[in-house]
């Protein structure tokens, strides 16, 4: 089931204090980027983030969920109504996230 664009807009509004939050639509879901790095995404109207150590520490009670069949498990962010919590989570994760892969030349 594809994610609702209204949910995407809600999450983007919650993260509006951060600069360089972008997204890309992919097969009915949305990949979220912070300063060029993939942080997670919106899958079936759920905000999921990469399970890096800093995110696990920030959300010790978070549940692991699959974004889609065959994918690696990610952390479910349940406290999406708390703007301060979300911005803190993304800021905490940034340094630990892998740099984007260089694009191949045509």
N, C-alpha and C. Protein backbone atom coordinates (compact mmCIF):
# COMPACT_ATOMS: atom_id res chain seq x y z
N UNK A 1 0.85 -1.18 0.00
CA UNK A 1 0.00 0.00 0.00
C UNK A 1 0.89 1.24 0.00
N UNK A 2 0.75 2.11 -0.97
CA UNK A 2 1.60 3.30 -1.01
C UNK A 2 1.29 4.26 0.14
N UNK A 3 2.29 5.03 0.49
CA UNK A 3 2.14 6.02 1.56
C UNK A 3 1.36 7.23 1.07
N UNK A 4 0.67 7.85 1.98
CA UNK A 4 -0.13 9.03 1.70
C UNK A 4 0.78 10.26 1.65
N UNK A 5 0.62 11.09 0.64
CA UNK A 5 1.45 12.29 0.51
C UNK A 5 1.20 13.27 1.66
N UNK A 6 0.00 13.23 2.25
CA UNK A 6 -0.30 14.09 3.40
C UNK A 6 0.58 13.71 4.59
N UNK A 7 0.84 12.42 4.77
CA UNK A 7 1.71 11.98 5.86
C UNK A 7 3.13 12.47 5.61
N UNK A 8 3.59 12.38 4.36
CA UNK A 8 4.91 12.90 4.00
C UNK A 8 4.99 14.38 4.36
N UNK A 9 3.99 15.16 3.97
CA UNK A 9 4.00 16.60 4.25
C UNK A 9 4.01 16.88 5.75
N UNK A 10 3.30 16.06 6.53
CA UNK A 10 3.30 16.21 7.98
C UNK A 10 4.71 16.00 8.54
N UNK A 11 5.38 14.94 8.11
CA UNK A 11 6.74 14.65 8.58
C UNK A 11 7.70 15.77 8.15
N UNK A 12 7.58 16.24 6.92
CA UNK A 12 8.45 17.33 6.45
C UNK A 12 8.21 18.60 7.28
N UNK A 13 6.98 18.87 7.64
CA UNK A 13 6.67 20.02 8.48
C UNK A 13 7.29 19.85 9.86
N UNK A 14 7.23 18.64 10.41
CA UNK A 14 7.83 18.37 11.71
C UNK A 14 9.34 18.59 11.69
N UNK A 15 9.97 18.36 10.54
CA UNK A 15 11.42 18.50 10.38
C UNK A 15 11.82 19.85 9.78
N UNK A 16 10.90 20.78 9.68
CA UNK A 16 11.15 22.04 8.97
C UNK A 16 12.23 22.91 9.60
N UNK A 17 12.58 22.68 10.85
CA UNK A 17 13.65 23.46 11.48
C UNK A 17 15.03 23.05 10.96
N UNK A 18 15.12 21.86 10.37
CA UNK A 18 16.39 21.38 9.82
C UNK A 18 16.54 21.87 8.39
N UNK A 19 17.77 22.23 8.04
CA UNK A 19 18.05 22.61 6.66
C UNK A 19 18.38 21.35 5.86
N UNK A 20 18.10 21.42 4.59
CA UNK A 20 18.47 20.36 3.66
C UNK A 20 17.76 19.04 3.92
N UNK A 21 16.49 19.07 4.26
CA UNK A 21 15.68 17.86 4.30
C UNK A 21 15.04 17.73 2.92
N UNK A 22 15.30 16.63 2.27
CA UNK A 22 14.73 16.39 0.95
C UNK A 22 14.16 14.98 0.92
N UNK A 23 13.43 14.68 -0.13
CA UNK A 23 12.86 13.34 -0.28
C UNK A 23 12.83 12.97 -1.75
N UNK A 24 12.67 11.69 -1.97
CA UNK A 24 12.51 11.17 -3.32
C UNK A 24 11.44 10.09 -3.29
N UNK A 25 10.48 10.22 -4.18
CA UNK A 25 9.43 9.20 -4.28
C UNK A 25 10.02 7.96 -4.95
N UNK A 26 9.66 6.80 -4.40
CA UNK A 26 10.15 5.56 -4.97
C UNK A 26 9.09 4.47 -4.78
N UNK A 27 8.46 4.08 -5.86
CA UNK A 27 7.47 3.02 -5.86
C UNK A 27 6.38 3.23 -4.80
N UNK A 28 5.84 4.43 -4.71
CA UNK A 28 4.75 4.72 -3.79
C UNK A 28 5.18 5.04 -2.38
N UNK A 29 6.47 5.00 -2.12
CA UNK A 29 7.01 5.33 -0.81
C UNK A 29 7.96 6.51 -0.97
N UNK A 30 8.55 6.97 0.15
CA UNK A 30 9.41 8.15 0.10
C UNK A 30 10.70 7.92 0.87
N UNK A 31 11.82 8.16 0.21
CA UNK A 31 13.13 8.09 0.85
C UNK A 31 13.44 9.49 1.38
N UNK A 32 13.88 9.58 2.65
CA UNK A 32 14.19 10.87 3.26
C UNK A 32 15.70 11.06 3.35
N UNK A 33 16.13 12.27 3.01
CA UNK A 33 17.54 12.64 3.04
C UNK A 33 17.73 13.81 3.99
N UNK A 34 18.83 13.78 4.72
CA UNK A 34 19.22 14.92 5.54
C UNK A 34 20.63 15.30 5.14
N UNK A 35 20.77 16.50 4.61
CA UNK A 35 22.05 17.02 4.13
C UNK A 35 22.72 16.03 3.17
N UNK A 36 21.90 15.44 2.31
CA UNK A 36 22.40 14.56 1.26
C UNK A 36 22.55 13.10 1.64
N UNK A 37 22.37 12.77 2.90
CA UNK A 37 22.51 11.38 3.35
C UNK A 37 21.14 10.77 3.60
N UNK A 38 20.99 9.50 3.24
CA UNK A 38 19.72 8.80 3.47
C UNK A 38 19.59 8.51 4.97
N UNK A 39 18.50 9.02 5.55
CA UNK A 39 18.23 8.81 6.98
C UNK A 39 17.25 7.66 7.15
N UNK A 40 16.31 7.56 6.24
CA UNK A 40 15.27 6.54 6.33
C UNK A 40 14.22 6.82 5.28
N UNK A 41 12.97 6.57 5.65
CA UNK A 41 11.91 6.80 4.69
C UNK A 41 10.54 6.63 5.29
N UNK A 42 9.56 6.87 4.47
CA UNK A 42 8.17 6.68 4.84
C UNK A 42 7.66 5.49 4.05
N UNK A 43 7.25 4.46 4.76
CA UNK A 43 6.79 3.22 4.18
C UNK A 43 5.45 2.86 4.82
N UNK A 44 4.43 2.70 4.01
CA UNK A 44 3.09 2.39 4.52
C UNK A 44 2.69 3.35 5.63
N UNK A 45 2.92 4.63 5.41
CA UNK A 45 2.60 5.68 6.38
C UNK A 45 3.24 5.45 7.75
N UNK A 46 4.48 4.96 7.73
CA UNK A 46 5.29 4.80 8.94
C UNK A 46 6.64 5.44 8.67
N UNK A 47 7.16 6.19 9.65
CA UNK A 47 8.50 6.76 9.53
C UNK A 47 9.49 5.73 10.08
N UNK A 48 10.36 5.26 9.20
CA UNK A 48 11.39 4.30 9.57
C UNK A 48 12.75 4.92 9.32
N UNK A 49 13.70 4.69 10.23
CA UNK A 49 15.05 5.22 10.06
C UNK A 49 16.06 4.08 10.11
N UNK A 50 17.24 4.36 9.57
CA UNK A 50 18.31 3.36 9.58
C UNK A 50 18.70 3.03 11.03
N UNK A 51 18.98 1.78 11.30
CA UNK A 51 19.32 1.37 12.67
C UNK A 51 20.79 1.58 13.03
N UNK A 52 21.27 2.82 12.90
CA UNK A 52 22.64 3.13 13.29
C UNK A 52 22.70 3.24 14.82
N UNK A 53 23.88 3.08 15.39
CA UNK A 53 24.04 3.06 16.85
C UNK A 53 23.43 4.29 17.53
N UNK A 54 23.64 5.45 16.94
CA UNK A 54 23.12 6.68 17.56
C UNK A 54 21.59 6.68 17.61
N UNK A 55 20.92 6.13 16.60
CA UNK A 55 19.46 6.07 16.59
C UNK A 55 18.97 5.06 17.63
N UNK A 56 19.68 3.94 17.75
CA UNK A 56 19.31 2.92 18.74
C UNK A 56 19.44 3.48 20.14
N UNK A 57 20.50 4.25 20.38
CA UNK A 57 20.70 4.88 21.68
C UNK A 57 19.64 5.94 21.95
N UNK A 58 19.30 6.71 20.94
CA UNK A 58 18.32 7.79 21.05
C UNK A 58 16.91 7.25 21.31
N UNK A 59 16.61 6.07 20.72
CA UNK A 59 15.29 5.44 20.87
C UNK A 59 15.46 4.01 21.34
N UNK A 60 15.86 3.80 22.59
CA UNK A 60 16.17 2.45 23.06
C UNK A 60 15.00 1.47 23.03
N UNK A 61 13.77 1.97 23.06
CA UNK A 61 12.60 1.08 23.07
C UNK A 61 11.98 0.92 21.68
N UNK A 62 12.63 1.44 20.66
CA UNK A 62 12.08 1.39 19.30
C UNK A 62 11.99 -0.05 18.80
N UNK A 63 10.97 -0.29 18.01
CA UNK A 63 10.77 -1.61 17.40
C UNK A 63 11.41 -1.63 16.02
N UNK A 64 11.90 -2.80 15.64
CA UNK A 64 12.44 -3.00 14.30
C UNK A 64 11.29 -3.47 13.40
N UNK A 65 11.20 -2.88 12.22
CA UNK A 65 10.17 -3.28 11.27
C UNK A 65 10.75 -3.31 9.87
N UNK A 66 10.12 -4.11 9.03
CA UNK A 66 10.52 -4.18 7.62
C UNK A 66 9.81 -3.10 6.83
N UNK A 67 10.55 -2.32 6.05
CA UNK A 67 9.88 -1.33 5.21
C UNK A 67 9.06 -1.99 4.09
N UNK A 68 9.58 -3.11 3.58
CA UNK A 68 8.90 -3.89 2.55
C UNK A 68 9.55 -5.27 2.53
N UNK A 69 8.89 -6.23 1.90
CA UNK A 69 9.41 -7.60 1.85
C UNK A 69 10.79 -7.64 1.22
N UNK A 70 11.70 -8.34 1.85
CA UNK A 70 13.05 -8.51 1.33
C UNK A 70 14.02 -7.42 1.75
N UNK A 71 13.57 -6.42 2.48
CA UNK A 71 14.44 -5.31 2.91
C UNK A 71 15.05 -5.61 4.27
N UNK A 72 16.05 -4.83 4.63
CA UNK A 72 16.63 -4.91 5.97
C UNK A 72 15.71 -4.20 6.95
N UNK A 73 15.71 -4.68 8.19
CA UNK A 73 14.86 -4.06 9.21
C UNK A 73 15.36 -2.66 9.53
N UNK A 74 14.39 -1.79 9.85
CA UNK A 74 14.68 -0.41 10.21
C UNK A 74 13.97 -0.11 11.53
N UNK A 75 14.31 1.02 12.13
CA UNK A 75 13.70 1.42 13.40
C UNK A 75 12.43 2.22 13.14
N UNK A 76 11.35 1.85 13.80
CA UNK A 76 10.09 2.58 13.70
C UNK A 76 10.13 3.78 14.63
N UNK A 77 9.86 4.96 14.09
CA UNK A 77 9.80 6.18 14.89
C UNK A 77 8.32 6.41 15.23
N UNK A 78 7.98 6.22 16.49
CA UNK A 78 6.59 6.35 16.89
C UNK A 78 6.23 7.75 17.36
N UNK A 79 7.18 8.50 17.88
CA UNK A 79 6.91 9.82 18.45
C UNK A 79 7.02 10.92 17.39
N UNK A 80 6.25 10.77 16.30
CA UNK A 80 6.35 11.72 15.19
C UNK A 80 5.67 13.05 15.50
N UNK A 81 4.85 13.12 16.53
CA UNK A 81 4.19 14.37 16.90
C UNK A 81 5.13 15.32 17.65
N UNK A 82 6.26 14.81 18.11
CA UNK A 82 7.21 15.60 18.90
C UNK A 82 8.29 16.15 17.96
N UNK A 83 8.12 17.38 17.55
CA UNK A 83 9.04 18.03 16.60
C UNK A 83 10.47 18.06 17.12
N UNK A 84 10.64 18.40 18.39
CA UNK A 84 11.99 18.48 18.99
C UNK A 84 12.67 17.12 18.99
N UNK A 85 11.91 16.07 19.29
CA UNK A 85 12.43 14.71 19.29
C UNK A 85 12.92 14.33 17.89
N UNK A 86 12.09 14.60 16.87
CA UNK A 86 12.46 14.23 15.50
C UNK A 86 13.70 14.96 15.01
N UNK A 87 13.75 16.27 15.24
CA UNK A 87 14.93 17.01 14.78
C UNK A 87 16.18 16.54 15.51
N UNK A 88 16.06 16.26 16.80
CA UNK A 88 17.19 15.73 17.57
C UNK A 88 17.65 14.39 17.04
N UNK A 89 16.71 13.53 16.69
CA UNK A 89 17.04 12.21 16.14
C UNK A 89 17.84 12.36 14.85
N UNK A 90 17.36 13.16 13.92
CA UNK A 90 18.05 13.33 12.65
C UNK A 90 19.44 13.94 12.85
N UNK A 91 19.55 14.94 13.72
CA UNK A 91 20.85 15.57 13.98
C UNK A 91 21.82 14.57 14.62
N UNK A 92 21.32 13.76 15.53
CA UNK A 92 22.16 12.76 16.21
C UNK A 92 22.69 11.72 15.23
N UNK A 93 21.85 11.34 14.27
CA UNK A 93 22.21 10.28 13.33
C UNK A 93 23.17 10.75 12.25
N UNK A 94 23.19 12.03 11.92
CA UNK A 94 23.87 12.52 10.72
C UNK A 94 25.32 12.04 10.58
N UNK A 95 26.13 12.23 11.60
CA UNK A 95 27.57 11.90 11.49
C UNK A 95 27.79 10.41 11.21
N UNK A 96 26.91 9.58 11.71
CA UNK A 96 27.09 8.13 11.59
C UNK A 96 26.57 7.57 10.26
N UNK A 97 25.76 8.32 9.57
CA UNK A 97 25.20 7.85 8.30
C UNK A 97 26.27 7.81 7.22
N UNK A 98 26.21 6.81 6.35
CA UNK A 98 27.21 6.73 5.28
C UNK A 98 27.04 7.87 4.27
N UNK A 99 28.15 8.30 3.72
CA UNK A 99 28.13 9.34 2.69
C UNK A 99 27.44 8.77 1.44
N UNK A 100 26.81 9.64 0.68
CA UNK A 100 26.17 9.15 -0.56
C UNK A 100 27.21 8.56 -1.51
N UNK A 101 26.80 7.55 -2.22
CA UNK A 101 27.69 6.94 -3.22
C UNK A 101 27.84 7.88 -4.40
N UNK A 102 29.05 7.98 -4.95
CA UNK A 102 29.23 8.87 -6.11
C UNK A 102 28.41 8.36 -7.30
N UNK A 103 27.87 9.32 -8.04
CA UNK A 103 27.07 8.95 -9.20
C UNK A 103 27.99 8.52 -10.33
N UNK A 104 27.56 7.50 -11.07
CA UNK A 104 28.34 7.01 -12.20
C UNK A 104 28.21 7.97 -13.36
N UNK A 105 29.34 8.18 -14.04
CA UNK A 105 29.32 9.04 -15.24
C UNK A 105 28.76 8.26 -16.41
N UNK A 106 28.02 8.97 -17.23
CA UNK A 106 27.43 8.32 -18.41
C UNK A 106 28.41 8.22 -19.54
